N, C-alpha and C. Protein backbone atom coordinates (compact mmCIF):
# COMPACT_ATOMS: atom_id res chain seq x y z
N MET A 1 58.10 113.28 157.06
CA MET A 1 56.93 112.88 157.67
C MET A 1 56.65 111.57 157.10
N SER A 2 56.00 110.46 158.03
CA SER A 2 56.09 109.21 157.62
C SER A 2 54.19 109.15 157.63
N PRO A 3 53.91 108.07 156.83
CA PRO A 3 52.27 107.93 157.20
C PRO A 3 51.78 107.53 158.41
N SER A 4 50.59 107.93 159.18
CA SER A 4 50.30 107.65 160.33
C SER A 4 48.82 106.98 160.30
N PRO A 5 48.71 106.06 161.24
CA PRO A 5 47.29 105.26 161.51
C PRO A 5 46.24 106.63 161.91
N LEU A 6 46.97 107.56 162.58
CA LEU A 6 45.80 108.69 162.64
C LEU A 6 45.24 109.40 161.49
N PHE A 7 46.01 109.61 160.78
CA PHE A 7 45.44 110.16 159.17
C PHE A 7 44.63 109.19 158.52
N ARG A 8 45.19 107.78 158.53
CA ARG A 8 44.03 106.77 157.89
C ARG A 8 42.88 106.76 158.85
N ARG A 9 42.92 106.68 160.02
CA ARG A 9 41.41 106.63 160.52
C ARG A 9 40.47 107.99 160.33
N ALA A 10 41.30 108.97 160.38
CA ALA A 10 40.55 110.16 160.03
C ALA A 10 40.02 110.25 158.41
N GLY A 11 40.72 109.76 157.51
CA GLY A 11 40.24 109.49 156.10
C GLY A 11 39.05 108.59 156.20
N LEU A 12 39.03 107.36 156.82
CA LEU A 12 38.14 106.47 156.98
C LEU A 12 36.92 106.74 157.53
N ALA A 13 37.13 107.56 158.95
CA ALA A 13 36.14 108.26 159.30
C ALA A 13 35.14 109.11 158.47
N VAL A 14 35.97 110.12 157.67
CA VAL A 14 35.15 110.92 156.92
C VAL A 14 34.76 110.10 155.83
N ALA A 15 35.29 109.16 155.27
CA ALA A 15 34.51 108.21 154.23
C ALA A 15 33.20 107.47 154.69
N ALA A 16 33.44 107.13 155.84
CA ALA A 16 31.93 106.52 156.51
C ALA A 16 30.83 107.59 156.66
N ALA A 17 31.50 108.74 157.00
CA ALA A 17 30.35 109.91 157.34
C ALA A 17 29.90 110.53 156.10
N VAL A 18 30.49 110.52 155.20
CA VAL A 18 30.23 111.09 153.64
C VAL A 18 29.30 109.97 153.30
N PHE A 19 29.48 108.71 153.29
CA PHE A 19 28.63 107.62 152.51
C PHE A 19 27.33 107.58 153.54
N ALA A 20 27.44 108.01 154.74
CA ALA A 20 26.08 107.55 155.44
C ALA A 20 25.32 108.96 155.07
N ALA A 21 25.72 109.97 155.13
CA ALA A 21 25.12 111.14 154.68
C ALA A 21 24.44 110.98 153.56
N ASP A 22 25.24 110.58 152.34
CA ASP A 22 24.91 110.56 151.22
C ASP A 22 23.54 109.52 151.08
N GLN A 23 23.69 108.49 151.69
CA GLN A 23 22.63 107.23 151.73
C GLN A 23 21.39 107.65 152.32
N ALA A 24 21.70 108.39 153.45
CA ALA A 24 20.32 109.03 154.42
C ALA A 24 19.99 110.04 153.70
N SER A 25 20.54 110.93 153.15
CA SER A 25 19.85 112.11 152.09
C SER A 25 18.97 111.28 150.83
N LYS A 26 19.48 110.44 150.22
CA LYS A 26 18.90 109.86 149.27
C LYS A 26 17.64 108.90 149.61
N ALA A 27 17.86 108.30 151.02
CA ALA A 27 16.59 107.45 151.38
C ALA A 27 15.24 108.58 151.76
N TRP A 28 15.76 109.77 152.51
CA TRP A 28 14.91 110.66 152.77
C TRP A 28 14.08 111.25 151.50
N ILE A 29 15.04 111.52 150.48
CA ILE A 29 14.26 112.01 149.14
C ILE A 29 13.25 111.27 148.70
N VAL A 30 13.65 109.80 148.35
CA VAL A 30 13.00 108.97 147.80
C VAL A 30 11.68 108.63 148.61
N HIS A 31 11.72 108.08 149.79
CA HIS A 31 10.71 107.66 150.78
C HIS A 31 10.26 108.87 151.72
N GLY A 32 10.83 109.79 152.11
CA GLY A 32 10.27 110.67 153.10
C GLY A 32 9.62 111.84 152.10
N LEU A 33 10.17 112.47 151.31
CA LEU A 33 9.82 113.51 150.51
C LEU A 33 8.89 113.03 149.42
N GLU A 34 9.34 111.61 149.16
CA GLU A 34 8.70 111.21 147.92
C GLU A 34 8.90 112.09 146.62
N LEU A 35 10.23 112.65 146.49
CA LEU A 35 10.47 113.24 145.20
C LEU A 35 10.30 112.48 143.94
N PRO A 36 10.52 111.31 143.79
CA PRO A 36 10.21 110.66 142.43
C PRO A 36 8.62 110.92 141.82
N MET A 37 7.84 110.96 142.62
CA MET A 37 6.47 111.51 142.41
C MET A 37 6.01 113.06 142.27
N ARG A 38 6.97 113.66 142.97
CA ARG A 38 6.94 115.13 142.88
C ARG A 38 7.68 115.80 141.95
N LEU A 39 8.64 115.13 141.37
CA LEU A 39 9.65 115.77 140.68
C LEU A 39 10.31 116.78 140.85
N SER A 40 9.86 117.84 141.51
CA SER A 40 10.68 119.15 141.97
C SER A 40 10.10 119.69 143.05
N VAL A 41 10.78 120.18 144.16
CA VAL A 41 10.24 120.97 145.27
C VAL A 41 11.05 122.17 145.38
N PRO A 42 10.53 123.41 145.50
CA PRO A 42 11.44 124.63 145.84
C PRO A 42 11.74 124.45 147.51
N VAL A 43 13.10 124.73 147.78
CA VAL A 43 13.60 124.62 148.95
C VAL A 43 13.78 126.00 149.50
N LEU A 44 14.53 126.64 149.03
CA LEU A 44 14.92 128.13 148.99
C LEU A 44 15.26 128.80 147.64
N PRO A 45 15.14 130.29 147.87
CA PRO A 45 15.24 130.85 146.32
C PRO A 45 16.72 130.44 145.81
N GLY A 46 16.62 129.74 144.77
CA GLY A 46 17.85 129.37 144.26
C GLY A 46 18.13 127.97 144.39
N LEU A 47 17.40 127.35 145.14
CA LEU A 47 17.78 125.86 145.52
C LEU A 47 16.21 125.21 145.37
N ASN A 48 16.30 124.04 144.57
CA ASN A 48 15.18 123.03 144.51
C ASN A 48 15.67 121.65 144.71
N PHE A 49 14.76 120.94 145.49
CA PHE A 49 15.09 119.22 145.11
C PHE A 49 14.28 118.97 143.91
N THR A 50 15.31 118.47 142.83
CA THR A 50 14.73 117.96 141.84
C THR A 50 15.00 116.56 141.47
N TRP A 51 14.23 115.74 141.20
CA TRP A 51 14.54 114.29 140.54
C TRP A 51 15.37 114.08 139.53
N VAL A 52 16.39 113.58 139.34
CA VAL A 52 17.14 113.06 138.52
C VAL A 52 17.60 111.63 138.63
N GLU A 53 17.48 110.75 137.67
CA GLU A 53 18.23 109.49 137.56
C GLU A 53 19.30 109.69 136.73
N ASN A 54 20.53 109.59 137.33
CA ASN A 54 21.77 110.04 136.54
C ASN A 54 22.38 108.58 136.11
N ARG A 55 22.59 108.41 134.81
CA ARG A 55 22.68 107.13 134.30
C ARG A 55 24.25 107.16 133.83
N GLY A 56 24.67 108.48 134.12
CA GLY A 56 26.37 108.46 133.50
C GLY A 56 26.97 108.74 134.90
N ILE A 57 28.15 109.55 134.34
CA ILE A 57 29.16 110.09 135.65
C ILE A 57 28.77 111.35 135.96
N THR A 58 29.59 111.88 136.59
CA THR A 58 29.44 113.11 136.86
C THR A 58 28.86 114.26 136.02
N PHE A 59 27.88 114.78 136.76
CA PHE A 59 27.22 115.64 135.48
C PHE A 59 26.38 114.98 134.29
N GLY A 60 25.94 113.65 134.68
CA GLY A 60 25.36 112.80 133.41
C GLY A 60 26.31 112.57 132.44
N LEU A 61 27.52 112.83 132.29
CA LEU A 61 28.36 112.41 131.18
C LEU A 61 28.69 110.99 131.15
N LEU A 62 28.59 110.82 129.69
CA LEU A 62 28.77 109.36 129.36
C LEU A 62 27.79 108.22 129.84
N GLY A 63 26.58 108.85 129.62
CA GLY A 63 25.09 108.10 130.07
C GLY A 63 24.82 107.19 129.04
N GLY A 64 25.47 107.14 127.84
CA GLY A 64 24.88 106.38 126.69
C GLY A 64 25.58 105.24 126.45
N PHE A 65 25.86 104.31 127.44
CA PHE A 65 26.60 103.07 127.53
C PHE A 65 25.13 102.12 127.37
N GLY A 66 24.22 102.04 127.57
CA GLY A 66 22.97 101.29 127.67
C GLY A 66 23.21 100.50 128.83
N ALA A 67 22.86 99.16 128.85
CA ALA A 67 22.80 98.34 129.91
C ALA A 67 23.88 97.93 130.59
N LEU A 68 25.13 98.25 129.44
CA LEU A 68 26.57 98.04 129.93
C LEU A 68 27.12 99.13 130.97
N GLY A 69 26.46 100.50 130.75
CA GLY A 69 26.89 101.43 131.37
C GLY A 69 27.23 101.24 132.86
N PRO A 70 26.14 100.89 133.77
CA PRO A 70 26.39 100.77 135.21
C PRO A 70 27.35 99.84 135.44
N VAL A 71 27.79 98.72 134.76
CA VAL A 71 28.68 97.89 135.12
C VAL A 71 30.23 98.52 134.89
N LEU A 72 30.06 99.11 133.66
CA LEU A 72 31.53 99.87 133.47
C LEU A 72 31.90 100.84 134.56
N LEU A 73 30.97 101.59 134.91
CA LEU A 73 31.06 102.76 135.45
C LEU A 73 31.28 102.32 137.11
N THR A 74 30.68 101.20 137.49
CA THR A 74 30.80 100.76 138.78
C THR A 74 32.27 100.05 138.82
N ALA A 75 32.68 99.32 137.96
CA ALA A 75 34.12 98.89 138.06
C ALA A 75 35.32 99.99 138.03
N VAL A 76 35.01 100.88 137.05
CA VAL A 76 35.98 102.07 137.13
C VAL A 76 35.80 102.66 138.43
N ALA A 77 34.79 102.93 139.15
CA ALA A 77 34.54 103.59 140.42
C ALA A 77 35.19 102.98 141.37
N LEU A 78 35.11 101.46 141.40
CA LEU A 78 35.68 100.51 142.27
C LEU A 78 37.21 100.64 142.33
N ALA A 79 37.61 100.74 141.01
CA ALA A 79 39.12 100.65 140.81
C ALA A 79 39.76 102.02 141.42
N VAL A 80 38.96 103.22 140.97
CA VAL A 80 39.43 104.56 141.76
C VAL A 80 39.33 104.54 143.29
N VAL A 81 38.35 103.90 143.82
CA VAL A 81 38.42 103.88 145.44
C VAL A 81 39.47 103.05 145.77
N ALA A 82 39.96 102.03 145.18
CA ALA A 82 41.14 101.10 145.67
C ALA A 82 42.42 101.92 145.69
N ALA A 83 42.61 102.85 144.51
CA ALA A 83 43.65 103.59 144.26
C ALA A 83 43.75 104.71 145.47
N LEU A 84 42.40 105.06 145.59
CA LEU A 84 42.57 106.05 146.79
C LEU A 84 42.75 105.48 148.07
N GLY A 85 42.34 104.42 148.20
CA GLY A 85 42.91 103.47 149.50
C GLY A 85 44.42 103.46 149.53
N VAL A 86 44.93 103.28 148.80
CA VAL A 86 46.40 102.97 148.56
C VAL A 86 46.99 104.40 149.00
N TRP A 87 46.45 105.38 148.25
CA TRP A 87 46.85 106.83 148.52
C TRP A 87 46.76 107.20 150.07
N LEU A 88 45.35 106.89 150.45
CA LEU A 88 45.19 107.28 152.16
C LEU A 88 46.15 106.38 152.89
N TRP A 89 46.40 105.38 152.64
CA TRP A 89 47.29 104.32 153.47
C TRP A 89 48.58 105.02 153.41
N ARG A 90 49.01 105.81 152.40
CA ARG A 90 50.25 106.41 152.62
C ARG A 90 50.34 108.01 152.74
N ALA A 91 49.09 108.62 153.14
CA ALA A 91 48.88 109.80 153.63
C ALA A 91 50.02 110.38 154.64
N GLU A 92 50.55 111.46 154.49
CA GLU A 92 51.46 111.72 155.89
C GLU A 92 50.72 113.08 156.11
N ARG A 93 49.72 113.51 155.92
CA ARG A 93 49.26 114.98 156.46
C ARG A 93 47.66 114.79 156.40
N TRP A 94 47.07 115.44 157.36
CA TRP A 94 45.63 115.50 157.57
C TRP A 94 44.79 115.81 156.35
N LEU A 95 45.21 116.97 155.75
CA LEU A 95 44.11 117.32 154.61
C LEU A 95 44.14 116.52 153.59
N PRO A 96 45.37 115.79 152.89
CA PRO A 96 45.10 114.89 152.05
C PRO A 96 44.26 113.65 152.30
N ALA A 97 44.48 113.25 153.63
CA ALA A 97 43.75 111.99 154.40
C ALA A 97 42.10 112.44 154.48
N VAL A 98 41.75 113.46 154.70
CA VAL A 98 40.49 113.68 154.92
C VAL A 98 39.82 114.08 153.42
N ALA A 99 40.51 114.55 152.60
CA ALA A 99 39.90 114.78 151.35
C ALA A 99 39.73 113.52 150.22
N LEU A 100 40.81 112.60 150.48
CA LEU A 100 40.96 111.48 149.97
C LEU A 100 39.61 110.51 150.56
N GLY A 101 39.45 110.52 151.97
CA GLY A 101 38.15 109.84 152.71
C GLY A 101 36.94 110.52 152.03
N ALA A 102 36.70 111.77 151.75
CA ALA A 102 35.44 112.56 151.30
C ALA A 102 35.39 111.76 149.86
N ILE A 103 36.44 111.96 149.09
CA ILE A 103 36.09 111.43 147.49
C ILE A 103 35.75 109.88 147.58
N ALA A 104 36.40 108.95 148.36
CA ALA A 104 36.19 107.66 148.61
C ALA A 104 34.59 107.56 148.96
N GLY A 105 34.36 107.86 150.13
CA GLY A 105 33.08 107.97 150.62
C GLY A 105 32.15 108.35 149.71
N GLY A 106 32.14 109.45 148.88
CA GLY A 106 31.20 109.80 147.75
C GLY A 106 31.09 109.13 146.68
N ALA A 107 32.17 108.28 146.08
CA ALA A 107 32.33 107.25 145.21
C ALA A 107 31.43 105.92 145.68
N VAL A 108 31.86 105.70 146.87
CA VAL A 108 31.18 104.39 147.08
C VAL A 108 29.68 104.65 147.27
N GLY A 109 29.12 105.66 147.81
CA GLY A 109 27.79 106.00 147.73
C GLY A 109 27.08 105.82 146.55
N ASN A 110 27.77 106.60 145.52
CA ASN A 110 27.31 106.56 144.04
C ASN A 110 27.21 105.08 143.36
N VAL A 111 28.38 104.41 143.76
CA VAL A 111 28.54 103.05 143.41
C VAL A 111 27.39 102.26 143.78
N LEU A 112 26.80 102.19 145.11
CA LEU A 112 25.90 101.45 145.72
C LEU A 112 24.42 102.06 144.90
N ASP A 113 24.26 103.10 144.55
CA ASP A 113 22.95 103.22 143.85
C ASP A 113 23.14 102.74 142.60
N ARG A 114 24.12 102.77 142.01
CA ARG A 114 24.42 102.35 140.61
C ARG A 114 24.02 100.69 140.61
N LEU A 115 24.48 100.10 141.77
CA LEU A 115 24.44 98.70 141.63
C LEU A 115 22.83 98.30 142.02
N ARG A 116 22.40 99.15 142.99
CA ARG A 116 21.07 98.97 143.51
C ARG A 116 19.99 99.08 142.29
N LEU A 117 20.22 100.38 141.87
CA LEU A 117 19.32 100.95 140.92
C LEU A 117 19.31 100.77 139.63
N GLY A 118 20.64 100.83 139.12
CA GLY A 118 21.01 100.99 137.70
C GLY A 118 21.52 102.45 137.46
N TYR A 119 21.04 103.18 138.28
CA TYR A 119 21.66 104.77 138.25
C TYR A 119 21.71 105.52 139.53
N VAL A 120 22.47 106.60 139.61
CA VAL A 120 22.66 107.43 140.62
C VAL A 120 21.20 108.48 141.09
N VAL A 121 20.79 108.71 142.18
CA VAL A 121 19.85 109.31 142.51
C VAL A 121 20.63 110.87 142.73
N ASP A 122 20.23 111.85 142.00
CA ASP A 122 20.66 113.15 142.20
C ASP A 122 19.55 113.96 142.46
N PHE A 123 19.64 115.19 143.19
CA PHE A 123 18.48 115.86 143.69
C PHE A 123 18.71 117.45 143.96
N LEU A 124 19.89 117.68 144.40
CA LEU A 124 20.33 119.19 144.66
C LEU A 124 20.27 119.91 143.38
N HIS A 125 19.33 120.97 143.04
CA HIS A 125 19.42 121.68 142.12
C HIS A 125 19.32 123.09 142.47
N ALA A 126 20.67 123.78 142.19
CA ALA A 126 20.92 125.10 142.26
C ALA A 126 20.77 125.94 140.83
N HIS A 127 20.21 127.17 141.43
CA HIS A 127 19.86 127.85 140.16
C HIS A 127 19.63 129.46 140.49
N ALA A 128 20.11 130.53 139.66
CA ALA A 128 19.80 131.86 139.83
C ALA A 128 19.86 132.72 138.70
N MET A 129 19.08 133.69 138.47
CA MET A 129 18.95 134.69 137.54
C MET A 129 19.12 134.06 136.21
N GLY A 130 18.01 132.72 136.10
CA GLY A 130 18.20 132.53 134.68
C GLY A 130 19.20 131.14 134.59
N TYR A 131 20.08 130.86 135.50
CA TYR A 131 21.25 130.17 135.08
C TYR A 131 20.83 128.99 136.03
N SER A 132 21.24 127.72 135.58
CA SER A 132 20.84 126.58 136.07
C SER A 132 22.25 125.61 136.30
N TRP A 133 22.47 124.95 137.70
CA TRP A 133 23.64 124.34 137.67
C TRP A 133 23.03 122.78 137.38
N TYR A 134 24.07 121.76 137.45
CA TYR A 134 23.68 120.40 137.31
C TYR A 134 23.14 119.88 138.24
N VAL A 135 22.19 119.14 138.42
CA VAL A 135 21.34 118.35 139.49
C VAL A 135 22.53 117.62 140.34
N PHE A 136 22.62 117.71 141.51
CA PHE A 136 23.96 116.56 141.97
C PHE A 136 23.47 116.20 143.48
N ASN A 137 24.20 115.51 144.19
CA ASN A 137 23.82 114.67 145.63
C ASN A 137 24.84 114.90 146.41
N VAL A 138 24.80 114.52 147.54
CA VAL A 138 25.62 114.73 148.88
C VAL A 138 27.02 114.24 148.26
N ALA A 139 27.03 113.15 147.52
CA ALA A 139 28.52 112.20 147.23
C ALA A 139 29.04 113.11 146.37
N ASP A 140 28.26 113.80 145.27
CA ASP A 140 29.10 114.59 144.16
C ASP A 140 29.71 115.73 145.03
N ALA A 141 29.16 116.39 145.97
CA ALA A 141 29.53 117.42 146.53
C ALA A 141 30.87 117.03 147.33
N ALA A 142 30.67 116.13 148.09
CA ALA A 142 31.99 115.52 148.76
C ALA A 142 32.97 115.47 147.62
N ILE A 143 32.91 114.83 146.88
CA ILE A 143 34.03 114.30 145.71
C ILE A 143 34.31 115.49 145.27
N VAL A 144 33.61 116.72 144.96
CA VAL A 144 34.24 117.91 144.42
C VAL A 144 35.09 118.70 145.40
N CYS A 145 34.64 118.65 146.47
CA CYS A 145 35.13 119.40 147.73
C CYS A 145 36.76 118.70 147.93
N GLY A 146 36.48 117.33 148.13
CA GLY A 146 37.61 116.30 148.20
C GLY A 146 38.70 116.84 146.88
N VAL A 147 38.40 116.76 145.93
CA VAL A 147 39.03 117.18 144.78
C VAL A 147 39.70 118.59 144.98
N ALA A 148 38.94 119.40 145.48
CA ALA A 148 39.38 120.75 145.43
C ALA A 148 40.64 121.21 146.66
N ALA A 149 40.23 120.21 147.73
CA ALA A 149 41.28 120.14 148.65
C ALA A 149 42.66 119.62 148.31
N LEU A 150 42.45 118.62 147.52
CA LEU A 150 43.63 117.86 146.79
C LEU A 150 44.53 118.86 146.09
N VAL A 151 43.61 119.67 145.26
CA VAL A 151 44.56 120.57 144.66
C VAL A 151 45.03 121.62 145.32
N PHE A 152 44.22 122.04 146.21
CA PHE A 152 44.79 123.40 147.09
C PHE A 152 46.06 122.69 147.98
N ASP A 153 46.03 121.70 148.42
CA ASP A 153 47.16 121.19 149.06
C ASP A 153 48.42 121.01 148.23
N GLY A 154 47.95 120.37 147.07
CA GLY A 154 49.15 120.55 146.22
C GLY A 154 49.84 121.71 145.65
N MET A 155 48.98 122.68 145.80
CA MET A 155 49.45 123.93 145.24
C MET A 155 50.22 125.06 146.40
N ARG A 156 49.87 124.38 147.52
CA ARG A 156 50.29 125.29 148.94
C ARG A 156 51.84 124.60 149.19
N ARG A 157 51.89 123.30 148.76
CA ARG A 157 53.15 122.91 149.05
C ARG A 157 54.51 123.19 148.13
N SER A 158 55.46 123.38 148.66
CA SER A 158 56.83 123.67 147.79
C SER A 158 57.08 122.47 147.00
N PRO A 159 57.66 122.67 145.55
CA PRO A 159 58.02 121.46 144.82
C PRO A 159 59.25 120.84 145.42
N PRO A 160 59.32 119.57 145.30
CA PRO A 160 60.50 118.97 145.97
C PRO A 160 61.95 119.47 145.32
N THR A 161 62.94 119.32 146.37
CA THR A 161 64.06 120.06 145.64
C THR A 161 65.17 118.59 145.48
N ASP A 162 66.06 118.98 144.81
CA ASP A 162 67.01 118.37 144.21
C ASP A 162 68.30 118.43 144.91
N ARG A 163 68.43 117.28 145.76
CA ARG A 163 69.51 117.55 146.90
C ARG A 163 70.97 117.53 146.25
N LEU A 164 70.87 116.98 144.86
CA LEU A 164 72.19 116.88 144.16
C LEU A 164 72.65 118.32 143.57
N ALA A 165 71.70 119.22 143.30
CA ALA A 165 71.92 120.28 142.68
C ALA A 165 72.40 121.34 143.56
N ASP A 166 73.46 122.32 143.37
CA ASP A 166 74.09 123.14 144.16
C ASP A 166 73.11 124.35 143.99
N PRO A 167 73.09 125.34 144.92
CA PRO A 167 72.22 126.48 144.67
C PRO A 167 72.43 127.20 143.40
N LYS A 168 73.50 127.22 142.76
CA LYS A 168 73.58 128.02 141.70
C LYS A 168 73.10 127.22 140.56
N GLY A 169 72.47 126.04 140.58
CA GLY A 169 71.96 125.38 139.41
C GLY A 169 72.68 124.45 138.82
N GLY A 170 74.02 124.24 139.15
CA GLY A 170 74.91 123.36 138.55
C GLY A 170 74.90 122.05 139.38
N ARG A 171 75.92 121.29 138.93
CA ARG A 171 75.89 119.93 139.52
C ARG A 171 77.56 119.83 140.01
């Protein structure tokens, strides 16, 4: 199978949809719900909207770089998005193309926050029975789902075969 423009378009459409959903949800959280002033709002049992300014990467890791942090994290994220674009351009199946689009769209959404604000807006806070998960956003969810889809796709595919080897393992 060879790369198809249909796969590229699907990946790009998913990237655009994830980016738009991420930015729209963050705009509503900040301006509609005014979460920065309210700090936390219960939504459902086990789910709150909770205001967090994430200055690190996923789950707030590596947030201690000071003023240089947003610049470094933005540069790394843009390099990753470029690599994902090359991978998407070569995609030969739907699932990897869509997964790559989800990851790229989420990464660009978080990069835009970092460039505009110096931090990423996080607000989804899941918790149950005394346990609490990290606060995240739509972009983070898309990135995690995209990575999971790539792992699933990689696990369900059979490994490449060596055409030179005979069935008995010799040459």
